[in-house]
C-alpha atoms as a PDB file:
ATOM      1  CA  MET A   1     -16.297  15.688  11.507  1.00  0.00           C
ATOM      2  CA  SER A   2     -19.558  14.022  12.349  1.00  0.00           C
ATOM      3  CA  TYR A   3     -22.892  15.113  10.997  1.00  0.00           C
ATOM      4  CA  SER A   4     -26.070  14.524  12.939  1.00  0.00           C
ATOM      5  CA  SER A   5     -29.152  13.821  10.870  1.00  0.00           C
ATOM      6  CA  THR A   6     -31.087  15.865  13.416  1.00  0.00           C
ATOM      7  CA  ASP A   7     -28.832  18.874  12.834  1.00  0.00           C
ATOM      8  CA  ALA A   8     -29.287  18.487   9.085  1.00  0.00           C
ATOM      9  CA  ALA A   9     -33.068  18.458   9.431  1.00  0.00           C
ATOM     10  CA  SER A  10     -33.765  21.153  12.017  1.00  0.00           C
ATOM     11  CA  THR A  11     -32.212  24.279  13.482  1.00  0.00           C
ATOM     12  CA  THR A  12     -33.971  23.642  16.798  1.00  0.00           C
ATOM     13  CA  THR A  13     -31.110  21.547  18.193  1.00  0.00           C
ATOM     14  CA  PRO A  14     -28.739  22.707  20.940  1.00  0.00           C
ATOM     15  CA  ASP A  15     -25.893  22.767  18.372  1.00  0.00           C
ATOM     16  CA  TRP A  16     -27.723  25.298  16.218  1.00  0.00           C
ATOM     17  CA  ALA A  17     -28.743  27.341  19.271  1.00  0.00           C
ATOM     18  CA  CYS A  18     -25.074  27.546  20.219  1.00  0.00           C
ATOM     19  CA  ILE A  19     -24.052  28.638  16.716  1.00  0.00           C
ATOM     20  CA  ARG A  20     -26.749  31.351  16.643  1.00  0.00           C
ATOM     21  CA  SER A  21     -25.865  32.519  20.125  1.00  0.00           C
ATOM     22  CA  HIS A  22     -22.191  32.957  19.308  1.00  0.00           C
ATOM     23  CA  GLU A  23     -22.712  34.325  15.793  1.00  0.00           C
ATOM     24  CA  SER A  24     -25.382  36.934  16.505  1.00  0.00           C
ATOM     25  CA  GLY A  25     -26.622  36.614  20.057  1.00  0.00           C
ATOM     26  CA  GLY A  26     -29.517  34.686  18.518  1.00  0.00           C
ATOM     27  CA  ASN A  27     -30.688  37.837  16.728  1.00  0.00           C
ATOM     28  CA  TYR A  28     -32.074  37.166  13.243  1.00  0.00           C
ATOM     29  CA  SER A  29     -32.046  40.931  12.565  1.00  0.00           C
ATOM     30  CA  GLU A  30     -28.338  41.311  13.385  1.00  0.00           C
ATOM     31  CA  ASN A  31     -26.491  43.505  10.900  1.00  0.00           C
ATOM     32  CA  SER A  32     -22.954  43.657  12.228  1.00  0.00           C
ATOM     33  CA  GLY A  33     -21.838  46.266   9.711  1.00  0.00           C
ATOM     34  CA  ASN A  34     -18.817  44.169   8.698  1.00  0.00           C
ATOM     35  CA  GLY A  35     -20.481  42.468   5.736  1.00  0.00           C
ATOM     36  CA  TYR A  36     -21.989  39.627   7.754  1.00  0.00           C
ATOM     37  CA  SER A  37     -25.630  39.555   8.794  1.00  0.00           C
ATOM     38  CA  GLY A  38     -28.514  37.537  10.145  1.00  0.00           C
ATOM     39  CA  ALA A  39     -28.636  34.950  12.904  1.00  0.00           C
ATOM     40  CA  TYR A  40     -25.918  32.871  11.233  1.00  0.00           C
ATOM     41  CA  GLN A  41     -23.801  35.835  10.056  1.00  0.00           C
ATOM     42  CA  PHE A  42     -23.867  35.055   6.358  1.00  0.00           C
ATOM     43  CA  MET A  43     -21.492  36.794   3.956  1.00  0.00           C
ATOM     44  CA  PRO A  44     -23.494  38.176   1.002  1.00  0.00           C
ATOM     45  CA  SER A  45     -22.017  35.729  -1.523  1.00  0.00           C
ATOM     46  CA  THR A  46     -22.648  32.734   0.737  1.00  0.00           C
ATOM     47  CA  TRP A  47     -26.111  34.014   1.538  1.00  0.00           C
ATOM     48  CA  ASN A  48     -27.029  34.302  -2.140  1.00  0.00           C
ATOM     49  CA  GLU A  49     -25.882  30.769  -2.840  1.00  0.00           C
ATOM     50  CA  ALA A  50     -27.453  29.214   0.260  1.00  0.00           C
ATOM     51  CA  VAL A  51     -30.793  30.988   0.066  1.00  0.00           C
ATOM     52  CA  THR A  52     -31.116  30.111  -3.615  1.00  0.00           C
ATOM     53  CA  GLY A  53     -30.120  26.510  -2.907  1.00  0.00           C
ATOM     54  CA  ALA A  54     -32.702  26.364  -0.124  1.00  0.00           C
ATOM     55  CA  GLY A  55     -35.422  27.350  -2.567  1.00  0.00           C
ATOM     56  CA  TYR A  56     -35.844  31.038  -1.740  1.00  0.00           C
ATOM     57  CA  PRO A  57     -34.182  32.846  -4.653  1.00  0.00           C
ATOM     58  CA  GLN A  58     -36.357  35.898  -4.079  1.00  0.00           C
ATOM     59  CA  TYR A  59     -34.173  36.675  -1.033  1.00  0.00           C
ATOM     60  CA  ALA A  60     -30.897  36.502  -2.971  1.00  0.00           C
ATOM     61  CA  ASN A  61     -28.993  39.699  -3.707  1.00  0.00           C
ATOM     62  CA  GLY A  62     -30.079  41.050  -0.368  1.00  0.00           C
ATOM     63  CA  GLU A  63     -28.748  40.514   3.080  1.00  0.00           C
ATOM     64  CA  ALA A  64     -29.641  37.722   5.456  1.00  0.00           C
ATOM     65  CA  PHE A  65     -30.887  40.020   8.216  1.00  0.00           C
ATOM     66  CA  MET A  66     -33.691  41.206   5.914  1.00  0.00           C
ATOM     67  CA  ALA A  67     -35.092  37.669   5.485  1.00  0.00           C
ATOM     68  CA  PRO A  68     -37.536  36.024   7.905  1.00  0.00           C
ATOM     69  CA  PRO A  69     -36.115  33.573  10.452  1.00  0.00           C
ATOM     70  CA  ALA A  70     -37.564  30.556   8.605  1.00  0.00           C
ATOM     71  CA  VAL A  71     -35.690  31.539   5.433  1.00  0.00           C
ATOM     72  CA  GLN A  72     -32.438  32.114   7.343  1.00  0.00           C
ATOM     73  CA  ASN A  73     -32.853  28.709   8.987  1.00  0.00           C
ATOM     74  CA  ALA A  74     -33.477  27.027   5.634  1.00  0.00           C
ATOM     75  CA  ALA A  75     -30.379  28.662   4.154  1.00  0.00           C
ATOM     76  CA  ALA A  76     -28.279  27.591   7.153  1.00  0.00           C
ATOM     77  CA  LEU A  77     -29.506  24.004   6.824  1.00  0.00           C
ATOM     78  CA  TRP A  78     -28.730  23.991   3.104  1.00  0.00           C
ATOM     79  CA  LEU A  79     -25.202  25.233   3.787  1.00  0.00           C
ATOM     80  CA  TYR A  80     -24.748  22.687   6.587  1.00  0.00           C
ATOM     81  CA  ARG A  81     -25.824  19.841   4.296  1.00  0.00           C
ATOM     82  CA  ARG A  82     -23.209  20.960   1.793  1.00  0.00           C
ATOM     83  CA  ASP A  83     -20.305  21.925   4.079  1.00  0.00           C
ATOM     84  CA  GLY A  84     -21.038  20.669   7.583  1.00  0.00           C
ATOM     85  CA  TRP A  85     -20.118  23.032  10.403  1.00  0.00           C
ATOM     86  CA  SER A  86     -17.051  24.452   8.611  1.00  0.00           C
ATOM     87  CA  PRO A  87     -18.696  27.752   7.511  1.00  0.00           C
ATOM     88  CA  TRP A  88     -19.098  28.793  11.158  1.00  0.00           C
ATOM     89  CA  SER A  89     -15.889  29.545  13.035  1.00  0.00           C
ATOM     90  CA  THR A  90     -17.883  29.516  16.275  1.00  0.00           C
ATOM     91  CA  ARG A  91     -18.306  25.758  15.825  1.00  0.00           C
ATOM     92  CA  TYR A  92     -15.186  25.278  17.962  1.00  0.00           C
ATOM     93  CA  VAL A  93     -16.727  27.162  20.887  1.00  0.00           C
ATOM     94  CA  CYS A  94     -19.780  24.944  20.482  1.00  0.00           C
ATOM     95  CA  GLY A  95     -17.686  21.765  20.439  1.00  0.00           C
ATOM     96  CA  LEU A  96     -18.534  20.931  16.833  1.00  0.00           C
END
């Protein structure tokens, strides 16, 4: 798996747009009702870890869809830096 430094630094890349599109239709307020939420469809446990790791612990113990887009993006970048694209099953559709 290759990691682009651009993808690790910004969620404005085409790769991230593809992930958001396939995870939530690009909707940061998406609450799918299946335990996943936000633009990147975080599970609550992953959300708590990623948002805390990204420096926004005040958003932990909530759900991703309730956080502003900038906080969701920061949490996604933190998770990507730790795990690459593996947390997102839609990575295959996006060619990642």
